[in-house]
Amino acid sequence: MKVALVYDRVNKWGGAERVLLALHEIFPDAPLYTSVYNSKTAPWAKVFPKIYTSFLQKIPFVKSSHELLGWLMPLAFESFSTIGGPAPGWDEYDLVISVTSEAAKGIITKPDTRHICYCLTPTRYLWSHYDLYFKNKIFRFLTKLFINYLRNWDKIAAQRPDEIMAISVEVQKRIKKYYKRDSEIIFPPVDLIKYQTSDIRHQTSGYYLVVSRLVLYKRVDLVIEVFNQLKWPLVIVGTGSEERKLKKAAHGNVKFTGFVSEDELAKYYWNAKALIMPQEEDFGIVSVEAQAAGVPVIAYKKGGALETVVESSTGVYFDKQTPESLINALKKFDKMAFNPGELIHYAKNFSKERFKREFVKLINE
């Protein structure tokens, strides 16, 4: 069986990229098709035997400024089967697996090719997070026609896969709401072994931890505002478009690490008092990573966190994305004790081995 993998863009590292690497372990010979590829910011992708890119790859600066080209993403993926003839090997695949939170699901396959879409979420800036991305009324007005075009295309593209898999109950609900399609759930993979240590937990250093891409919807700004008030130690791991703005707002008790290796990340988990997850997540892989390291989680009570965090057992929730609500959760947490062994045991529900087993079962069926 010839298999191809398709992903929106290969230029960063995060939860979706972990999914791709797990699929690569199942299908080591499968090439990867994507809109753009940046080998410098995505060295993890070198394991794929071949990476095919769209015409966007030839546009200057697009590998680092893809956010400005959202209106071209539909054409980018349709071009693999249309512009200038099919991309190399495109007519030969028995199975195409798209991993997407944007346009990769819209790739066009031949009638006898099976297409499974592993949906990370319906496109955030078009649907669930539209109000956050377009809260400026003037910007919203100026982009109205553009957004309407993309929404119409996105609905059409979502009908192309033969099957859609969701990463969580939250995403399953969004798929039904925006695309009018049913879906099954396979939780994304977490490589638990990387975050476990022989003595379960190192001695905590007393700092709280955020592990996130520094982009608008992740709400790292909320955590910084709170820790500026409390003056408690906070470590932020990650990079992103909001990095400069966030650093400018942070006080001296807040440390930014930038990008770190997997080994370094594990050490940050081991020595943290708790992980803070202030955003509405589609799933929230970092919360599982933290628990695999024996670290409890303080999470916003919405979205994927409801499936990865157990109140008072593996962490605590806060109800609103406000400083007051997060401060109350932090003070509540500060009086509690958690069993690292219980946290590690719970994290096993989301192992990479389980993901691979369930995905192979789906394909066989």
Protein backbone atom coordinates (compact mmCIF):
# COMPACT_ATOMS: atom_id res chain seq x y z
CA MET A 1 0.00 0.00 0.00
CA LYS A 2 1.45 3.36 -1.07
CA VAL A 3 0.85 6.12 1.48
CA ALA A 4 1.37 9.89 1.41
CA LEU A 5 1.22 12.35 4.30
CA VAL A 6 -0.01 15.94 3.90
CA TYR A 7 0.48 18.79 6.37
CA ASP A 8 -0.31 22.52 6.26
CA ARG A 9 3.26 23.86 6.57
CA VAL A 10 6.56 22.50 7.84
CA ASN A 11 8.31 25.40 9.58
CA LYS A 12 7.89 24.95 13.34
CA TRP A 13 7.73 22.43 16.19
CA GLY A 14 4.67 21.57 18.27
CA GLY A 15 1.97 19.01 18.92
CA ALA A 16 0.99 18.54 15.27
CA GLU A 17 4.58 17.84 14.36
CA ARG A 18 4.65 15.05 16.94
CA VAL A 19 1.67 13.52 15.17
CA LEU A 20 3.56 13.56 11.87
CA LEU A 21 6.58 11.83 13.40
CA ALA A 22 4.36 9.13 14.92
CA LEU A 23 2.75 8.57 11.51
CA HIS A 24 6.24 8.40 10.00
CA GLU A 25 7.02 5.54 12.38
CA ILE A 26 3.96 3.70 11.04
CA PHE A 27 4.68 4.59 7.40
CA PRO A 28 8.46 5.18 7.14
CA ASP A 29 8.41 5.25 3.32
CA ALA A 30 5.61 7.81 3.02
CA PRO A 31 6.63 11.19 1.55
CA LEU A 32 5.32 14.45 2.97
CA TYR A 33 3.45 17.08 0.93
CA THR A 34 3.17 20.60 2.33
CA SER A 35 2.71 24.23 1.30
CA VAL A 36 6.13 25.44 2.51
CA TYR A 37 9.16 23.85 4.20
CA ASN A 38 11.84 25.58 6.25
CA SER A 39 14.63 23.14 7.05
CA LYS A 40 16.22 25.57 9.53
CA THR A 41 13.17 25.94 11.77
CA ALA A 42 11.92 22.38 11.22
CA PRO A 43 14.98 20.10 11.40
CA TRP A 44 12.75 17.31 12.73
CA ALA A 45 11.34 16.83 9.20
CA LYS A 46 14.61 15.52 7.80
CA VAL A 47 13.49 11.98 8.69
CA PHE A 48 10.98 11.95 5.82
CA PRO A 49 12.29 10.27 2.65
CA LYS A 50 10.98 13.14 0.50
CA ILE A 51 9.23 16.47 1.10
CA TYR A 52 7.25 18.02 -1.74
CA THR A 53 6.30 21.71 -1.52
CA SER A 54 3.82 23.90 -3.38
CA PHE A 55 4.49 26.97 -5.54
CA LEU A 56 4.47 29.06 -2.33
CA GLN A 57 7.97 27.76 -1.61
CA LYS A 58 9.29 29.97 -4.42
CA ILE A 59 7.85 33.20 -3.01
CA PRO A 60 10.51 35.22 -1.08
CA PHE A 61 10.13 35.26 2.72
CA VAL A 62 7.06 32.98 2.65
CA LYS A 63 8.77 30.32 4.76
CA SER A 64 8.82 32.70 7.73
CA SER A 65 5.81 34.93 6.95
CA HIS A 66 3.19 32.41 5.86
CA GLU A 67 0.49 34.09 7.98
CA LEU A 68 0.17 36.78 5.30
CA LEU A 69 -0.66 34.23 2.62
CA GLY A 70 -3.73 32.52 4.06
CA TRP A 71 -5.74 33.42 0.98
CA LEU A 72 -3.33 31.37 -1.17
CA MET A 73 -3.40 28.22 0.94
CA PRO A 74 -6.43 26.68 -0.87
CA LEU A 75 -4.69 27.07 -4.22
CA ALA A 76 -1.43 25.74 -2.78
CA PHE A 77 -2.93 22.35 -1.89
CA GLU A 78 -5.17 22.05 -4.92
CA SER A 79 -2.11 22.75 -7.09
CA PHE A 80 -0.59 19.36 -6.21
CA SER A 81 -3.15 17.76 -8.55
CA THR A 82 -3.89 20.59 -10.99
CA ILE A 83 -1.28 23.23 -11.85
CA GLY A 84 1.17 21.86 -14.41
CA GLY A 85 -0.02 18.30 -13.84
CA PRO A 86 0.09 16.18 -10.66
CA ALA A 87 2.97 16.47 -8.23
CA PRO A 88 5.50 13.60 -8.34
CA GLY A 89 3.82 10.33 -7.44
CA TRP A 90 0.48 11.96 -6.67
CA ASP A 91 -1.58 9.57 -8.83
CA GLU A 92 0.03 6.47 -7.32
CA TYR A 93 -1.16 6.54 -3.69
CA ASP A 94 -3.67 4.14 -2.17
CA LEU A 95 -3.97 6.17 1.03
CA VAL A 96 -3.51 9.87 1.76
CA ILE A 97 -3.44 11.07 5.37
CA SER A 98 -3.83 14.81 5.91
CA VAL A 99 -2.91 16.32 9.26
CA THR A 100 -4.38 19.78 9.40
CA SER A 101 -5.75 22.80 11.21
CA GLU A 102 -6.11 24.73 7.97
CA ALA A 103 -5.99 23.82 4.27
CA ALA A 104 -4.30 20.42 3.87
CA LYS A 105 -7.65 18.62 4.08
CA GLY A 106 -8.56 20.30 0.76
CA ILE A 107 -6.02 18.35 -1.24
CA ILE A 108 -7.62 16.65 -4.23
CA THR A 109 -7.13 12.90 -4.59
CA LYS A 110 -8.15 10.51 -7.35
CA PRO A 111 -11.46 8.64 -6.83
CA ASP A 112 -9.96 5.31 -5.76
CA THR A 113 -7.52 6.86 -3.25
CA ARG A 114 -8.65 6.72 0.35
CA HIS A 115 -8.25 10.06 2.17
CA ILE A 116 -8.22 10.15 5.98
CA CYS A 117 -8.07 13.58 7.61
CA TYR A 118 -6.64 13.85 11.11
CA CYS A 119 -8.21 17.17 12.07
CA LEU A 120 -6.36 19.17 14.71
CA THR A 121 -9.20 21.71 14.64
CA PRO A 122 -11.34 23.53 12.08
CA THR A 123 -9.30 26.57 11.04
CA ARG A 124 -9.14 28.74 14.16
CA TYR A 125 -9.06 32.19 12.58
CA LEU A 126 -12.09 31.32 10.42
CA TRP A 127 -14.26 29.69 13.06
CA SER A 128 -13.71 29.08 16.78
CA HIS A 129 -11.24 31.93 17.38
CA TYR A 130 -12.46 34.42 14.78
CA ASP A 131 -13.40 37.06 17.38
CA LEU A 132 -9.93 36.91 18.90
CA TYR A 133 -8.06 37.24 15.61
CA PHE A 134 -10.39 39.93 14.23
CA LYS A 135 -11.33 41.92 17.32
CA ASN A 136 -10.32 45.16 15.57
CA LYS A 137 -13.55 46.33 13.88
CA ILE A 138 -11.78 48.10 11.02
CA PHE A 139 -9.62 45.07 10.28
CA ARG A 140 -12.70 42.85 10.49
CA PHE A 141 -14.54 45.03 7.95
CA LEU A 142 -11.61 45.19 5.53
CA THR A 143 -11.15 41.40 5.55
CA LYS A 144 -14.83 40.44 5.37
CA LEU A 145 -14.82 39.37 1.69
CA PHE A 146 -11.55 37.51 2.15
CA ILE A 147 -12.89 35.62 5.19
CA ASN A 148 -16.16 34.75 3.44
CA TYR A 149 -14.21 33.29 0.52
CA LEU A 150 -12.01 31.20 2.83
CA ARG A 151 -14.97 30.00 4.90
CA ASN A 152 -16.84 28.84 1.80
CA TRP A 153 -13.75 27.04 0.50
CA ASP A 154 -13.05 25.52 3.92
CA LYS A 155 -16.54 24.01 4.10
CA ILE A 156 -16.09 22.48 0.64
CA ALA A 157 -12.60 21.21 1.47
CA ALA A 158 -13.88 19.51 4.64
CA GLN A 159 -16.14 17.30 2.51
CA ARG A 160 -13.24 15.87 0.47
CA PRO A 161 -11.78 13.40 3.01
CA ASP A 162 -13.45 9.99 3.15
CA GLU A 163 -13.05 9.95 6.93
CA ILE A 164 -12.32 12.66 9.48
CA MET A 165 -10.66 11.91 12.81
CA ALA A 166 -10.73 14.43 15.66
CA ILE A 167 -8.03 14.86 18.30
CA SER A 168 -10.51 15.49 21.14
CA VAL A 169 -14.17 15.82 22.08
CA GLU A 170 -13.80 19.59 21.74
CA VAL A 171 -12.57 19.29 18.15
CA GLN A 172 -15.22 16.68 17.38
CA LYS A 173 -17.88 19.22 18.40
CA ARG A 174 -16.31 21.91 16.20
CA ILE A 175 -16.19 19.56 13.19
CA LYS A 176 -19.90 18.87 13.62
CA LYS A 177 -20.74 22.55 14.14
CA TYR A 178 -18.73 24.06 11.27
CA TYR A 179 -18.41 21.21 8.76
CA LYS A 180 -21.62 19.26 9.50
CA ARG A 181 -19.66 16.01 9.59
CA ASP A 182 -19.37 13.19 12.10
CA SER A 183 -15.92 12.12 13.27
CA GLU A 184 -14.20 9.59 15.48
CA ILE A 185 -11.65 10.52 18.15
CA ILE A 186 -8.04 9.40 18.36
CA PHE A 187 -6.09 11.33 20.97
CA PRO A 188 -2.74 12.64 19.68
CA PRO A 189 0.48 10.87 20.69
CA VAL A 190 2.72 11.83 23.58
CA ASP A 191 6.19 10.28 23.89
CA LEU A 192 5.88 9.75 27.64
CA ILE A 193 9.28 8.13 28.14
CA LYS A 194 11.08 11.38 27.28
CA TYR A 195 9.55 13.15 30.26
CA GLN A 196 9.88 10.46 32.88
CA THR A 197 12.81 10.37 35.26
CA SER A 198 14.14 7.45 37.31
CA ASP A 199 13.34 9.10 40.65
CA ILE A 200 9.84 10.20 39.44
CA ARG A 201 10.42 13.89 40.19
CA HIS A 202 13.48 16.04 40.72
CA GLN A 203 13.29 18.52 43.59
CA THR A 204 11.07 21.35 42.43
CA SER A 205 12.74 24.73 42.12
CA GLY A 206 9.60 26.64 43.02
CA TYR A 207 8.98 28.15 39.58
CA TYR A 208 5.80 27.88 37.57
CA LEU A 209 6.09 26.90 33.92
CA VAL A 210 4.48 27.84 30.59
CA VAL A 211 5.34 25.75 27.51
CA SER A 212 3.76 27.29 24.46
CA ARG A 213 4.14 28.94 21.10
CA LEU A 214 4.07 32.66 21.81
CA VAL A 215 1.08 33.57 19.67
CA LEU A 216 -2.06 35.53 20.42
CA TYR A 217 -4.59 32.80 21.20
CA LYS A 218 -2.27 31.01 23.66
CA ARG A 219 -2.91 33.83 26.17
CA VAL A 220 0.58 33.88 27.65
CA ASP A 221 -0.02 37.61 28.22
CA LEU A 222 -2.55 36.69 30.93
CA VAL A 223 0.01 34.60 32.84
CA ILE A 224 2.62 37.37 32.62
CA GLU A 225 0.14 39.93 33.94
CA VAL A 226 -0.65 37.71 36.93
CA PHE A 227 2.96 36.89 37.77
CA ASN A 228 3.92 40.54 37.47
CA GLN A 229 1.45 41.12 40.29
CA LEU A 230 2.40 38.11 42.41
CA LYS A 231 6.14 38.44 41.81
CA TRP A 232 6.40 34.64 41.82
CA PRO A 233 9.04 32.97 39.57
CA LEU A 234 7.79 32.04 36.11
CA VAL A 235 9.62 30.29 33.26
CA ILE A 236 8.26 30.55 29.70
CA VAL A 237 9.49 28.02 27.12
CA GLY A 238 8.77 28.74 23.47
CA THR A 239 8.99 31.28 20.66
CA GLY A 240 6.51 33.02 18.41
CA SER A 241 5.20 36.21 16.86
CA GLU A 242 4.23 37.73 20.23
CA GLU A 243 7.63 37.12 21.83
CA ARG A 244 8.97 40.67 21.70
CA LYS A 245 5.72 42.14 23.02
CA LEU A 246 5.55 39.63 25.88
CA LYS A 247 9.18 40.18 26.90
CA LYS A 248 8.58 43.91 27.03
CA ALA A 249 5.59 43.42 29.34
CA ALA A 250 7.29 40.96 31.72
CA HIS A 251 9.03 41.87 34.97
CA GLY A 252 12.31 40.47 36.27
CA ASN A 253 10.73 37.40 37.88
CA VAL A 254 9.76 36.08 34.43
CA LYS A 255 12.37 34.13 32.46
CA PHE A 256 12.12 33.40 28.71
CA THR A 257 14.12 30.41 27.46
CA GLY A 258 13.28 30.57 23.76
CA PHE A 259 13.40 27.28 21.88
CA VAL A 260 14.81 24.35 23.87
CA SER A 261 15.66 20.75 22.99
CA GLU A 262 13.51 17.84 24.13
CA ASP A 263 16.08 16.93 26.79
CA GLU A 264 16.14 20.51 28.10
CA LEU A 265 12.35 20.66 28.11
CA ALA A 266 12.17 17.51 30.23
CA LYS A 267 14.42 19.16 32.82
CA TYR A 268 12.21 22.23 32.92
CA TYR A 269 9.22 19.98 33.57
CA TRP A 270 10.99 17.98 36.28
CA ASN A 271 11.92 21.06 38.25
CA ALA A 272 8.66 22.97 37.90
CA LYS A 273 6.10 23.42 40.61
CA ALA A 274 3.25 23.34 38.07
CA LEU A 275 2.50 23.88 34.40
CA ILE A 276 0.09 26.71 33.56
CA MET A 277 -2.11 26.33 30.48
CA PRO A 278 -4.13 29.57 30.11
CA GLN A 279 -5.51 29.00 26.61
CA GLU A 280 -8.52 27.17 25.25
CA GLU A 281 -6.69 24.20 23.77
CA ASP A 282 -7.83 21.83 21.07
CA PHE A 283 -6.25 19.03 23.11
CA GLY A 284 -3.20 20.23 25.06
CA ILE A 285 -0.24 17.89 24.62
CA VAL A 286 1.92 19.93 27.02
CA SER A 287 -0.46 19.15 29.88
CA VAL A 288 0.09 15.43 29.28
CA GLU A 289 3.86 15.92 29.01
CA ALA A 290 3.86 17.71 32.36
CA GLN A 291 1.86 14.94 34.02
CA ALA A 292 4.20 12.33 32.51
CA ALA A 293 6.97 14.16 34.37
CA GLY A 294 4.92 14.08 37.59
CA VAL A 295 3.98 17.78 37.38
CA PRO A 296 0.40 18.99 38.03
CA VAL A 297 -1.39 21.41 35.69
CA ILE A 298 -3.28 24.66 36.25
CA ALA A 299 -5.59 24.96 33.23
CA TYR A 300 -8.32 27.13 31.79
CA LYS A 301 -11.53 25.13 32.17
CA LYS A 302 -12.48 24.85 28.54
CA GLY A 303 -11.58 22.86 25.43
CA GLY A 304 -9.14 19.99 25.46
CA ALA A 305 -8.04 20.60 29.06
CA LEU A 306 -11.30 19.00 30.15
CA GLU A 307 -9.98 15.72 28.72
CA THR A 308 -6.38 15.91 29.89
CA VAL A 309 -6.64 17.36 33.42
CA VAL A 310 -8.55 15.82 36.33
CA GLU A 311 -9.63 18.38 38.93
CA SER A 312 -7.84 17.96 42.29
CA SER A 313 -6.19 14.75 41.06
CA THR A 314 -3.82 15.89 38.30
CA GLY A 315 -4.37 19.63 38.52
CA VAL A 316 -6.81 22.49 39.07
CA TYR A 317 -8.94 24.64 36.76
CA PHE A 318 -9.71 28.33 36.57
CA ASP A 319 -13.06 29.35 35.06
CA LYS A 320 -12.34 32.66 33.33
CA GLN A 321 -9.42 34.09 31.38
CA THR A 322 -9.04 36.92 33.86
CA PRO A 323 -6.23 37.77 36.32
CA GLU A 324 -8.58 37.31 39.27
CA SER A 325 -9.65 33.82 38.22
CA LEU A 326 -6.09 32.64 37.57
CA ILE A 327 -4.82 34.13 40.85
CA ASN A 328 -7.55 32.30 42.78
CA ALA A 329 -6.55 29.02 41.10
CA LEU A 330 -2.86 29.60 41.89
CA LYS A 331 -3.59 30.29 45.55
CA LYS A 332 -5.83 27.24 45.73
CA PHE A 333 -3.12 25.12 44.11
CA ASP A 334 -0.48 26.45 46.50
CA LYS A 335 -2.32 24.82 49.41
CA MET A 336 -2.69 21.42 47.72
CA ALA A 337 -0.49 18.34 47.40
CA PHE A 338 -0.33 16.00 44.39
CA ASN A 339 0.95 12.45 43.99
CA PRO A 340 3.53 12.33 41.15
CA GLY A 341 2.93 8.61 40.67
CA GLU A 342 -0.77 9.22 40.10
CA LEU A 343 0.03 11.91 37.54
CA ILE A 344 2.42 9.65 35.65
CA HIS A 345 -0.09 6.80 35.64
CA TYR A 346 -2.85 9.02 34.23
CA ALA A 347 -0.59 10.30 31.43
CA LYS A 348 -0.25 6.75 30.10
CA ASN A 349 -3.77 7.09 28.65
CA PHE A 350 -2.25 9.31 25.94
CA SER A 351 0.85 7.36 24.93
CA LYS A 352 2.36 7.29 21.44
CA GLU A 353 1.95 3.50 21.41
CA ARG A 354 -1.82 3.87 21.95
CA PHE A 355 -2.05 6.41 19.12
CA LYS A 356 -0.19 4.15 16.67
CA ARG A 357 -2.25 1.13 17.65
CA GLU A 358 -5.56 2.96 17.20
CA PHE A 359 -4.51 4.55 13.91
CA VAL A 360 -3.48 1.21 12.40
CA LYS A 361 -6.77 -0.31 13.58
CA LEU A 362 -8.67 2.52 11.85
CA ILE A 363 -6.84 1.91 8.56
CA ASN A 364 -7.40 -1.83 8.74
CA GLU A 365 -11.11 -1.29 9.26
